[in-house]
Amino acid sequence: MEVNIGIRNVTREVSVDVENSAGEVEAAVATAIENGTPLRLSDSHGRVVVVPADAIGYVEIAANESRRVGFGFTG
């Protein structure tokens, strides 16, 4: 899953490639916001991203798309 986090008052978003399901990420975000605790996500390379709950502007959760190689012909 690719997770993009918009941080308040910051122009760039943080992108994290996690192995969790969309439901798990959504639950972690909801828990962080409800409890006022930092959102903590680990990516597939072992990097840990910690975002304070009050700094979260938005969270976009998207499935990783398979990359297409070559040229597509129709006809």
C-alpha atoms as a PDB file:
ATOM      1  CA  MET A   1       0.000   0.000   0.000  1.00  0.00           C
ATOM      2  CA  GLU A   2       1.161   3.480  -0.759  1.00  0.00           C
ATOM      3  CA  VAL A   3       0.282   5.977   1.962  1.00  0.00           C
ATOM      4  CA  ASN A   4       0.593   9.726   1.365  1.00  0.00           C
ATOM      5  CA  ILE A   5       0.377  11.942   4.438  1.00  0.00           C
ATOM      6  CA  GLY A   6      -0.236  15.663   4.169  1.00  0.00           C
ATOM      7  CA  ILE A   7       1.343  17.583   7.028  1.00  0.00           C
ATOM      8  CA  ARG A   8      -0.208  20.877   8.137  1.00  0.00           C
ATOM      9  CA  ASN A   9       1.815  23.956   7.155  1.00  0.00           C
ATOM     10  CA  VAL A  10       4.214  21.846   5.043  1.00  0.00           C
ATOM     11  CA  THR A  11       4.079  21.966   1.240  1.00  0.00           C
ATOM     12  CA  ARG A  12       5.389  18.441   0.597  1.00  0.00           C
ATOM     13  CA  GLU A  13       3.591  15.264   1.538  1.00  0.00           C
ATOM     14  CA  VAL A  14       5.238  12.242   3.118  1.00  0.00           C
ATOM     15  CA  SER A  15       4.982   9.019   1.077  1.00  0.00           C
ATOM     16  CA  VAL A  16       5.337   5.636   2.746  1.00  0.00           C
ATOM     17  CA  ASP A  17       5.140   2.220   1.043  1.00  0.00           C
ATOM     18  CA  VAL A  18       3.721  -0.051   3.749  1.00  0.00           C
ATOM     19  CA  GLU A  19       2.947  -3.759   3.782  1.00  0.00           C
ATOM     20  CA  ASN A  20      -0.165  -3.262   5.940  1.00  0.00           C
ATOM     21  CA  SER A  21      -3.673  -3.469   4.534  1.00  0.00           C
ATOM     22  CA  ALA A  22      -5.738  -0.350   3.885  1.00  0.00           C
ATOM     23  CA  GLY A  23      -7.917  -1.232   6.876  1.00  0.00           C
ATOM     24  CA  GLU A  24      -4.913  -1.480   9.197  1.00  0.00           C
ATOM     25  CA  VAL A  25      -3.556   1.879   8.055  1.00  0.00           C
ATOM     26  CA  GLU A  26      -6.966   3.507   8.386  1.00  0.00           C
ATOM     27  CA  ALA A  27      -7.351   2.104  11.914  1.00  0.00           C
ATOM     28  CA  ALA A  28      -3.882   3.374  12.898  1.00  0.00           C
ATOM     29  CA  VAL A  29      -4.728   6.857  11.596  1.00  0.00           C
ATOM     30  CA  ALA A  30      -8.086   6.909  13.383  1.00  0.00           C
ATOM     31  CA  THR A  31      -6.511   5.754  16.660  1.00  0.00           C
ATOM     32  CA  ALA A  32      -3.769   8.378  16.437  1.00  0.00           C
ATOM     33  CA  ILE A  33      -6.261  11.178  15.811  1.00  0.00           C
ATOM     34  CA  GLU A  34      -8.736  10.027  18.484  1.00  0.00           C
ATOM     35  CA  ASN A  35      -6.079   9.580  21.178  1.00  0.00           C
ATOM     36  CA  GLY A  36      -3.812  12.452  20.159  1.00  0.00           C
ATOM     37  CA  THR A  37      -0.868  10.062  19.829  1.00  0.00           C
ATOM     38  CA  PRO A  38       1.676  10.099  16.993  1.00  0.00           C
ATOM     39  CA  LEU A  39       0.913   8.130  13.834  1.00  0.00           C
ATOM     40  CA  ARG A  40       3.689   5.588  13.422  1.00  0.00           C
ATOM     41  CA  LEU A  41       4.129   3.672  10.146  1.00  0.00           C
ATOM     42  CA  SER A  42       6.932   1.344   9.036  1.00  0.00           C
ATOM     43  CA  ASP A  43       7.695   1.013   5.350  1.00  0.00           C
ATOM     44  CA  SER A  44       8.791  -2.065   3.424  1.00  0.00           C
ATOM     45  CA  HIS A  45      12.475  -1.055   3.792  1.00  0.00           C
ATOM     46  CA  GLY A  46      12.426  -0.748   7.591  1.00  0.00           C
ATOM     47  CA  ARG A  47      12.111   3.044   7.671  1.00  0.00           C
ATOM     48  CA  VAL A  48       9.803   4.335  10.420  1.00  0.00           C
ATOM     49  CA  VAL A  49       7.779   7.513   9.916  1.00  0.00           C
ATOM     50  CA  VAL A  50       6.293   9.232  12.966  1.00  0.00           C
ATOM     51  CA  VAL A  51       3.820  12.096  12.513  1.00  0.00           C
ATOM     52  CA  PRO A  52       2.236  13.973  15.437  1.00  0.00           C
ATOM     53  CA  ALA A  53      -1.540  13.487  15.344  1.00  0.00           C
ATOM     54  CA  ASP A  54      -2.264  17.217  15.471  1.00  0.00           C
ATOM     55  CA  ALA A  55      -0.026  17.791  12.413  1.00  0.00           C
ATOM     56  CA  ILE A  56      -1.931  15.383  10.128  1.00  0.00           C
ATOM     57  CA  GLY A  57      -3.714  17.305   7.386  1.00  0.00           C
ATOM     58  CA  TYR A  58      -4.866  14.309   5.338  1.00  0.00           C
ATOM     59  CA  VAL A  59      -3.995  10.689   4.656  1.00  0.00           C
ATOM     60  CA  GLU A  60      -4.383   9.097   1.227  1.00  0.00           C
ATOM     61  CA  ILE A  61      -4.276   5.298   1.048  1.00  0.00           C
ATOM     62  CA  ALA A  62      -3.828   3.697  -2.382  1.00  0.00           C
ATOM     63  CA  ALA A  63      -3.031   0.213  -3.615  1.00  0.00           C
ATOM     64  CA  ASN A  64       0.296  -0.103  -5.410  1.00  0.00           C
ATOM     65  CA  GLU A  65      -0.233  -0.321  -9.157  1.00  0.00           C
ATOM     66  CA  SER A  66       1.698  -2.882 -11.131  1.00  0.00           C
ATOM     67  CA  ARG A  67       4.051  -1.216 -13.552  1.00  0.00           C
ATOM     68  CA  ARG A  68       3.508  -1.867 -17.224  1.00  0.00           C
ATOM     69  CA  VAL A  69       6.477  -2.401 -19.479  1.00  0.00           C
ATOM     70  CA  GLY A  70       6.494  -2.063 -23.240  1.00  0.00           C
ATOM     71  CA  PHE A  71       4.042  -0.690 -25.710  1.00  0.00           C
ATOM     72  CA  GLY A  72       0.349  -1.406 -25.813  1.00  0.00           C
ATOM     73  CA  PHE A  73      -1.282  -2.188 -29.132  1.00  0.00           C
ATOM     74  CA  THR A  74      -4.995  -2.308 -29.721  1.00  0.00           C
ATOM     75  CA  GLY A  75      -6.539  -3.409 -32.914  1.00  0.00           C
END
